[in-house]
C-alpha atoms as a PDB file:
ATOM      1  CA  UNK A   1     -39.397 -31.157 -14.933  1.00  0.00           C
ATOM      2  CA  UNK A   2     -37.570 -34.251 -13.550  1.00  0.00           C
ATOM      3  CA  UNK A   3     -34.243 -32.323 -13.784  1.00  0.00           C
ATOM      4  CA  UNK A   4     -35.728 -29.330 -12.003  1.00  0.00           C
ATOM      5  CA  UNK A   5     -37.065 -31.555  -9.246  1.00  0.00           C
ATOM      6  CA  UNK A   6     -33.725 -33.247  -8.740  1.00  0.00           C
ATOM      7  CA  UNK A   7     -31.997 -29.997  -8.583  1.00  0.00           C
ATOM      8  CA  UNK A   8     -34.396 -28.613  -5.916  1.00  0.00           C
ATOM      9  CA  UNK A   9     -33.972 -31.852  -3.879  1.00  0.00           C
ATOM     10  CA  UNK A  10     -30.251 -31.605  -4.069  1.00  0.00           C
ATOM     11  CA  UNK A  11     -30.358 -27.899  -3.013  1.00  0.00           C
ATOM     12  CA  UNK A  12     -32.650 -28.750  -0.197  1.00  0.00           C
ATOM     13  CA  UNK A  13     -30.408 -31.517   1.005  1.00  0.00           C
ATOM     14  CA  UNK A  14     -27.368 -29.254   0.777  1.00  0.00           C
ATOM     15  CA  UNK A  15     -29.134 -26.546   2.898  1.00  0.00           C
ATOM     16  CA  UNK A  16     -30.156 -29.041   5.518  1.00  0.00           C
ATOM     17  CA  UNK A  17     -26.642 -30.559   5.734  1.00  0.00           C
ATOM     18  CA  UNK A  18     -25.205 -27.046   6.102  1.00  0.00           C
ATOM     19  CA  UNK A  19     -27.758 -26.261   8.996  1.00  0.00           C
ATOM     20  CA  UNK A  20     -27.001 -29.605  10.631  1.00  0.00           C
ATOM     21  CA  UNK A  21     -23.225 -28.914  10.503  1.00  0.00           C
ATOM     22  CA  UNK A  22     -23.743 -25.609  12.141  1.00  0.00           C
ATOM     23  CA  UNK A  23     -25.903 -27.001  14.909  1.00  0.00           C
ATOM     24  CA  UNK A  24     -29.090 -25.355  13.871  1.00  0.00           C
ATOM     25  CA  UNK A  25     -31.085 -28.539  13.328  1.00  0.00           C
ATOM     26  CA  UNK A  26     -30.773 -32.233  14.551  1.00  0.00           C
ATOM     27  CA  UNK A  27     -31.260 -35.257  12.423  1.00  0.00           C
ATOM     28  CA  UNK A  28     -34.058 -37.450  13.867  1.00  0.00           C
ATOM     29  CA  UNK A  29     -33.307 -41.153  13.849  1.00  0.00           C
ATOM     30  CA  UNK A  30     -35.341 -43.306  11.421  1.00  0.00           C
ATOM     31  CA  UNK A  31     -36.568 -43.242   7.899  1.00  0.00           C
ATOM     32  CA  UNK A  32     -37.521 -41.148   6.038  1.00  0.00           C
ATOM     33  CA  UNK A  33     -34.921 -38.724   7.412  1.00  0.00           C
ATOM     34  CA  UNK A  34     -36.440 -35.857   9.458  1.00  0.00           C
ATOM     35  CA  UNK A  35     -34.914 -32.919  11.148  1.00  0.00           C
ATOM     36  CA  UNK A  36     -35.662 -31.262  14.393  1.00  0.00           C
ATOM     37  CA  UNK A  37     -35.253 -27.490  14.622  1.00  0.00           C
ATOM     38  CA  UNK A  38     -33.180 -26.255  17.629  1.00  0.00           C
ATOM     39  CA  UNK A  39     -34.735 -23.506  19.713  1.00  0.00           C
ATOM     40  CA  UNK A  40     -33.657 -20.102  18.470  1.00  0.00           C
ATOM     41  CA  UNK A  41     -32.130 -19.104  21.793  1.00  0.00           C
ATOM     42  CA  UNK A  42     -30.045 -22.271  21.767  1.00  0.00           C
ATOM     43  CA  UNK A  43     -28.937 -21.439  18.204  1.00  0.00           C
ATOM     44  CA  UNK A  44     -27.891 -18.022  19.450  1.00  0.00           C
ATOM     45  CA  UNK A  45     -25.874 -19.519  22.340  1.00  0.00           C
ATOM     46  CA  UNK A  46     -24.215 -21.887  19.868  1.00  0.00           C
ATOM     47  CA  UNK A  47     -23.233 -19.189  17.469  1.00  0.00           C
ATOM     48  CA  UNK A  48     -21.912 -17.057  20.320  1.00  0.00           C
ATOM     49  CA  UNK A  49     -19.836 -19.924  21.680  1.00  0.00           C
ATOM     50  CA  UNK A  50     -18.427 -20.681  18.300  1.00  0.00           C
ATOM     51  CA  UNK A  51     -17.442 -17.026  17.741  1.00  0.00           C
ATOM     52  CA  UNK A  52     -15.690 -17.065  21.213  1.00  0.00           C
ATOM     53  CA  UNK A  53     -13.926 -20.256  20.406  1.00  0.00           C
ATOM     54  CA  UNK A  54     -12.712 -18.920  16.988  1.00  0.00           C
ATOM     55  CA  UNK A  55     -11.690 -15.718  18.574  1.00  0.00           C
ATOM     56  CA  UNK A  56      -9.649 -17.612  21.219  1.00  0.00           C
ATOM     57  CA  UNK A  57      -7.890 -19.732  18.558  1.00  0.00           C
ATOM     58  CA  UNK A  58      -6.982 -16.646  16.507  1.00  0.00           C
ATOM     59  CA  UNK A  59      -5.662 -14.892  19.525  1.00  0.00           C
ATOM     60  CA  UNK A  60      -3.540 -17.844  20.443  1.00  0.00           C
ATOM     61  CA  UNK A  61      -2.188 -17.960  16.837  1.00  0.00           C
ATOM     62  CA  UNK A  62      -1.333 -14.219  17.004  1.00  0.00           C
ATOM     63  CA  UNK A  63       0.430 -14.751  20.318  1.00  0.00           C
ATOM     64  CA  UNK A  64       2.372 -17.576  18.856  1.00  0.00           C
ATOM     65  CA  UNK A  65       3.255 -15.294  15.876  1.00  0.00           C
ATOM     66  CA  UNK A  66       4.660 -12.663  18.320  1.00  0.00           C
ATOM     67  CA  UNK A  67       7.501 -15.008  19.260  1.00  0.00           C
ATOM     68  CA  UNK A  68       8.030 -16.360  15.782  1.00  0.00           C
ATOM     69  CA  UNK A  69      10.554 -15.608  12.943  1.00  0.00           C
ATOM     70  CA  UNK A  70       7.948 -13.825  10.960  1.00  0.00           C
ATOM     71  CA  UNK A  71       7.449 -10.963  13.352  1.00  0.00           C
ATOM     72  CA  UNK A  72      11.229 -10.731  13.845  1.00  0.00           C
ATOM     73  CA  UNK A  73      11.716 -10.238  10.118  1.00  0.00           C
ATOM     74  CA  UNK A  74       8.930  -7.683   9.989  1.00  0.00           C
ATOM     75  CA  UNK A  75      10.592  -5.724  12.849  1.00  0.00           C
ATOM     76  CA  UNK A  76      13.867  -5.705  10.866  1.00  0.00           C
ATOM     77  CA  UNK A  77      12.025  -4.452   7.780  1.00  0.00           C
ATOM     78  CA  UNK A  78      10.311  -1.760   9.861  1.00  0.00           C
ATOM     79  CA  UNK A  79      13.647  -0.696  11.439  1.00  0.00           C
ATOM     80  CA  UNK A  80      15.542  -0.576   8.137  1.00  0.00           C
ATOM     81  CA  UNK A  81      12.814   0.715   6.020  1.00  0.00           C
ATOM     82  CA  UNK A  82      11.040  -0.826   3.003  1.00  0.00           C
ATOM     83  CA  UNK A  83      10.802   0.746  -0.413  1.00  0.00           C
ATOM     84  CA  UNK A  84       8.434  -0.777  -2.888  1.00  0.00           C
ATOM     85  CA  UNK A  85       9.831  -0.773  -6.365  1.00  0.00           C
ATOM     86  CA  UNK A  86       7.870  -1.477  -9.544  1.00  0.00           C
ATOM     87  CA  UNK A  87       9.990  -3.054 -12.322  1.00  0.00           C
ATOM     88  CA  UNK A  88       8.298  -0.817 -14.853  1.00  0.00           C
ATOM     89  CA  UNK A  89       9.527   2.224 -12.988  1.00  0.00           C
ATOM     90  CA  UNK A  90      13.155   0.993 -13.309  1.00  0.00           C
ATOM     91  CA  UNK A  91      13.638   0.316 -16.961  1.00  0.00           C
ATOM     92  CA  UNK A  92      12.375   0.560 -20.436  1.00  0.00           C
ATOM     93  CA  UNK A  93      13.137  -0.086 -24.073  1.00  0.00           C
ATOM     94  CA  UNK A  94      13.289   2.601 -26.784  1.00  0.00           C
ATOM     95  CA  UNK A  95      13.173   1.693 -30.484  1.00  0.00           C
ATOM     96  CA  UNK A  96      14.460   3.808 -33.279  1.00  0.00           C
ATOM     97  CA  UNK A  97      17.696   6.013 -33.131  1.00  0.00           C
ATOM     98  CA  UNK A  98      15.769   9.241 -33.241  1.00  0.00           C
ATOM     99  CA  UNK A  99      13.672   8.243 -30.156  1.00  0.00           C
ATOM    100  CA  UNK A 100      16.800   6.949 -28.405  1.00  0.00           C
ATOM    101  CA  UNK A 101      18.676  10.203 -28.861  1.00  0.00           C
ATOM    102  CA  UNK A 102      15.668  12.198 -27.712  1.00  0.00           C
ATOM    103  CA  UNK A 103      15.713  10.126 -24.483  1.00  0.00           C
ATOM    104  CA  UNK A 104      19.483  10.485 -24.176  1.00  0.00           C
ATOM    105  CA  UNK A 105      19.190  14.237 -24.542  1.00  0.00           C
ATOM    106  CA  UNK A 106      16.689  14.397 -21.621  1.00  0.00           C
ATOM    107  CA  UNK A 107      19.005  12.292 -19.405  1.00  0.00           C
ATOM    108  CA  UNK A 108      22.195  14.207 -20.212  1.00  0.00           C
ATOM    109  CA  UNK A 109      20.772  17.803 -19.894  1.00  0.00           C
ATOM    110  CA  UNK A 110      19.676  16.995 -16.312  1.00  0.00           C
ATOM    111  CA  UNK A 111      22.950  15.481 -15.176  1.00  0.00           C
ATOM    112  CA  UNK A 112      24.227  17.091 -11.940  1.00  0.00           C
ATOM    113  CA  UNK A 113      27.397  15.154 -11.156  1.00  0.00           C
ATOM    114  CA  UNK A 114      28.841  12.929 -13.792  1.00  0.00           C
ATOM    115  CA  UNK A 115      28.460  11.620 -17.285  1.00  0.00           C
ATOM    116  CA  UNK A 116      30.595   8.847 -18.785  1.00  0.00           C
ATOM    117  CA  UNK A 117      29.938   7.941 -22.359  1.00  0.00           C
ATOM    118  CA  UNK A 118      31.488   5.232 -24.573  1.00  0.00           C
ATOM    119  CA  UNK A 119      30.577   5.244 -28.300  1.00  0.00           C
ATOM    120  CA  UNK A 120      31.668   4.324 -31.795  1.00  0.00           C
ATOM    121  CA  UNK A 121      33.266   6.495 -34.473  1.00  0.00           C
ATOM    122  CA  UNK A 122      29.924   7.237 -36.074  1.00  0.00           C
ATOM    123  CA  UNK A 123      28.250   7.460 -32.768  1.00  0.00           C
ATOM    124  CA  UNK A 124      30.629  10.222 -31.682  1.00  0.00           C
ATOM    125  CA  UNK A 125      29.817  12.172 -34.775  1.00  0.00           C
ATOM    126  CA  UNK A 126      26.082  11.854 -34.229  1.00  0.00           C
ATOM    127  CA  UNK A 127      26.414  12.814 -30.545  1.00  0.00           C
ATOM    128  CA  UNK A 128      28.527  15.859 -31.144  1.00  0.00           C
ATOM    129  CA  UNK A 129      25.849  16.999 -33.620  1.00  0.00           C
ATOM    130  CA  UNK A 130      22.712  16.092 -31.737  1.00  0.00           C
ATOM    131  CA  UNK A 131      23.665  16.148 -27.998  1.00  0.00           C
ATOM    132  CA  UNK A 132      26.071  19.114 -27.787  1.00  0.00           C
ATOM    133  CA  UNK A 133      23.426  21.471 -26.279  1.00  0.00           C
ATOM    134  CA  UNK A 134      22.593  18.851 -23.641  1.00  0.00           C
ATOM    135  CA  UNK A 135      26.254  18.434 -22.829  1.00  0.00           C
ATOM    136  CA  UNK A 136      26.594  22.107 -22.355  1.00  0.00           C
ATOM    137  CA  UNK A 137      23.589  22.225 -19.977  1.00  0.00           C
ATOM    138  CA  UNK A 138      25.013  19.334 -18.011  1.00  0.00           C
ATOM    139  CA  UNK A 139      28.417  21.041 -17.658  1.00  0.00           C
ATOM    140  CA  UNK A 140      26.630  24.274 -16.406  1.00  0.00           C
ATOM    141  CA  UNK A 141      24.977  22.011 -13.841  1.00  0.00           C
ATOM    142  CA  UNK A 142      28.421  21.056 -12.616  1.00  0.00           C
ATOM    143  CA  UNK A 143      28.559  17.496 -14.193  1.00  0.00           C
ATOM    144  CA  UNK A 144      32.011  16.171 -15.104  1.00  0.00           C
ATOM    145  CA  UNK A 145      31.950  14.514 -18.639  1.00  0.00           C
ATOM    146  CA  UNK A 146      34.101  11.837 -19.980  1.00  0.00           C
ATOM    147  CA  UNK A 147      33.831  10.485 -23.447  1.00  0.00           C
ATOM    148  CA  UNK A 148      35.590   7.362 -24.822  1.00  0.00           C
ATOM    149  CA  UNK A 149      35.553   6.778 -28.545  1.00  0.00           C
ATOM    150  CA  UNK A 150      37.801   6.145 -31.527  1.00  0.00           C
ATOM    151  CA  UNK A 151      39.579   9.319 -32.565  1.00  0.00           C
ATOM    152  CA  UNK A 152      39.957   9.073 -36.370  1.00  0.00           C
ATOM    153  CA  UNK A 153      40.207  11.398 -39.379  1.00  0.00           C
ATOM    154  CA  UNK A 154      36.381  11.583 -39.193  1.00  0.00           C
ATOM    155  CA  UNK A 155      36.189  12.500 -35.507  1.00  0.00           C
ATOM    156  CA  UNK A 156      39.378  14.471 -35.029  1.00  0.00           C
ATOM    157  CA  UNK A 157      37.700  17.848 -36.042  1.00  0.00           C
ATOM    158  CA  UNK A 158      35.262  17.383 -33.338  1.00  0.00           C
ATOM    159  CA  UNK A 159      37.857  17.349 -30.500  1.00  0.00           C
ATOM    160  CA  UNK A 160      38.030  21.073 -30.448  1.00  0.00           C
ATOM    161  CA  UNK A 161      34.385  21.655 -29.521  1.00  0.00           C
ATOM    162  CA  UNK A 162      34.117  18.502 -27.399  1.00  0.00           C
ATOM    163  CA  UNK A 163      37.140  19.368 -25.344  1.00  0.00           C
ATOM    164  CA  UNK A 164      35.363  22.501 -24.133  1.00  0.00           C
ATOM    165  CA  UNK A 165      32.751  20.475 -22.286  1.00  0.00           C
ATOM    166  CA  UNK A 166      34.364  17.060 -21.752  1.00  0.00           C
ATOM    167  CA  UNK A 167      37.438  14.973 -21.411  1.00  0.00           C
ATOM    168  CA  UNK A 168      37.816  12.832 -24.472  1.00  0.00           C
ATOM    169  CA  UNK A 169      40.023   9.725 -24.881  1.00  0.00           C
ATOM    170  CA  UNK A 170      40.831   7.609 -27.912  1.00  0.00           C
ATOM    171  CA  UNK A 171      39.571   4.012 -27.464  1.00  0.00           C
ATOM    172  CA  UNK A 172      39.369   1.889 -30.500  1.00  0.00           C
ATOM    173  CA  UNK A 173      39.473  -1.802 -29.420  1.00  0.00           C
ATOM    174  CA  UNK A 174      36.128  -1.835 -27.601  1.00  0.00           C
ATOM    175  CA  UNK A 175      32.981  -1.436 -29.533  1.00  0.00           C
ATOM    176  CA  UNK A 176      30.371  -0.276 -27.046  1.00  0.00           C
ATOM    177  CA  UNK A 177      27.557   2.171 -26.916  1.00  0.00           C
ATOM    178  CA  UNK A 178      26.476   3.292 -23.423  1.00  0.00           C
ATOM    179  CA  UNK A 179      26.079   6.244 -21.252  1.00  0.00           C
ATOM    180  CA  UNK A 180      25.913   6.513 -17.319  1.00  0.00           C
ATOM    181  CA  UNK A 181      24.331   9.529 -15.723  1.00  0.00           C
ATOM    182  CA  UNK A 182      25.091  10.629 -12.087  1.00  0.00           C
ATOM    183  CA  UNK A 183      25.985   6.979 -11.227  1.00  0.00           C
ATOM    184  CA  UNK A 184      22.261   6.253 -11.211  1.00  0.00           C
ATOM    185  CA  UNK A 185      20.898   6.050 -14.769  1.00  0.00           C
ATOM    186  CA  UNK A 186      22.134   3.857 -17.604  1.00  0.00           C
ATOM    187  CA  UNK A 187      21.269   4.016 -21.312  1.00  0.00           C
ATOM    188  CA  UNK A 188      22.910   1.514 -23.656  1.00  0.00           C
ATOM    189  CA  UNK A 189      22.406   0.323 -27.183  1.00  0.00           C
ATOM    190  CA  UNK A 190      21.877  -3.358 -27.908  1.00  0.00           C
ATOM    191  CA  UNK A 191      23.117  -3.448 -31.500  1.00  0.00           C
ATOM    192  CA  UNK A 192      26.173  -2.485 -33.566  1.00  0.00           C
ATOM    193  CA  UNK A 193      25.455   0.701 -35.419  1.00  0.00           C
ATOM    194  CA  UNK A 194      27.409  -0.541 -38.436  1.00  0.00           C
ATOM    195  CA  UNK A 195      25.053  -3.526 -38.835  1.00  0.00           C
ATOM    196  CA  UNK A 196      21.673  -1.906 -38.073  1.00  0.00           C
ATOM    197  CA  UNK A 197      19.387   0.547 -39.807  1.00  0.00           C
ATOM    198  CA  UNK A 198      18.749   3.618 -37.592  1.00  0.00           C
ATOM    199  CA  UNK A 199      15.015   2.744 -37.723  1.00  0.00           C
ATOM    200  CA  UNK A 200      15.653  -0.616 -36.085  1.00  0.00           C
ATOM    201  CA  UNK A 201      18.227   0.457 -33.500  1.00  0.00           C
ATOM    202  CA  UNK A 202      17.281  -0.484 -30.023  1.00  0.00           C
ATOM    203  CA  UNK A 203      18.245   1.146 -26.679  1.00  0.00           C
ATOM    204  CA  UNK A 204      17.530   0.266 -23.052  1.00  0.00           C
ATOM    205  CA  UNK A 205      17.206   2.724 -20.310  1.00  0.00           C
ATOM    206  CA  UNK A 206      17.510   1.695 -16.603  1.00  0.00           C
ATOM    207  CA  UNK A 207      17.369   3.605 -13.325  1.00  0.00           C
ATOM    208  CA  UNK A 208      19.692   1.320 -11.366  1.00  0.00           C
ATOM    209  CA  UNK A 209      22.522   2.824  -9.160  1.00  0.00           C
ATOM    210  CA  UNK A 210      23.779  -0.740  -8.535  1.00  0.00           C
ATOM    211  CA  UNK A 211      24.435  -1.415 -12.259  1.00  0.00           C
ATOM    212  CA  UNK A 212      25.413   2.199 -13.049  1.00  0.00           C
ATOM    213  CA  UNK A 213      28.193   2.154 -10.499  1.00  0.00           C
ATOM    214  CA  UNK A 214      29.477  -1.239 -11.706  1.00  0.00           C
ATOM    215  CA  UNK A 215      29.535   0.044 -15.348  1.00  0.00           C
ATOM    216  CA  UNK A 216      31.329   3.217 -14.235  1.00  0.00           C
ATOM    217  CA  UNK A 217      33.971   1.154 -12.497  1.00  0.00           C
ATOM    218  CA  UNK A 218      34.679  -0.779 -15.679  1.00  0.00           C
ATOM    219  CA  UNK A 219      34.765   2.427 -17.766  1.00  0.00           C
ATOM    220  CA  UNK A 220      37.225   3.897 -15.214  1.00  0.00           C
ATOM    221  CA  UNK A 221      39.551   0.958 -15.486  1.00  0.00           C
ATOM    222  CA  UNK A 222      39.466   1.190 -19.368  1.00  0.00           C
ATOM    223  CA  UNK A 223      39.939   4.982 -19.109  1.00  0.00           C
ATOM    224  CA  UNK A 224      43.108   4.600 -17.035  1.00  0.00           C
ATOM    225  CA  UNK A 225      44.636   2.185 -19.500  1.00  0.00           C
ATOM    226  CA  UNK A 226      44.711   4.713 -22.412  1.00  0.00           C
ATOM    227  CA  UNK A 227      46.770   7.870 -22.629  1.00  0.00           C
ATOM    228  CA  UNK A 228      45.125  11.304 -23.032  1.00  0.00           C
ATOM    229  CA  UNK A 229      44.039  12.095 -26.522  1.00  0.00           C
ATOM    230  CA  UNK A 230      46.193  14.686 -28.370  1.00  0.00           C
END
């Protein structure tokens, strides 16, 4: 009961202190402490005056904001436009070679302008088998396709079919596995296919024109350094 009484006393004191700060009551001099209630009409006037004072201060703050740097920056953003981008809409990771190739298939078949692909010897064999239909659809859409990969005894027989839908060049001193679609989307493998089991292969997809164009420029420089494949 003592605890409850102390709690109630503390609550009462807090309420009275709050009312005093708001000007609803006045502390009477002397002990014990007593309070005098302010007339309701006076309380109403005080509340009204406080609201007016707060409104004036907020209005002045807004007027100050009008001439400040913040509003100038907002005007620039409004003029140039603002596009909200969620990171989760830009990129994702795909695990397992089958899942990665399923995603690559969807990307490639919808290409409209260009596809650049760099892969390994074994990667070219897999792509010729799994992605050929997607390449054909992309070619019908008008996409120009370039494939850079090692041309060996294993991959040489694939050139006849691949050359019908793409330009192919022999590049054997760069081990890379990536694909750029329409200078917008990128898909790349994180691991060497000679050192990883297909189940644990990992790919990353990203919708990023900035990185896609940079990767395309690197691809183009490497492409120009190599002669056309026989």
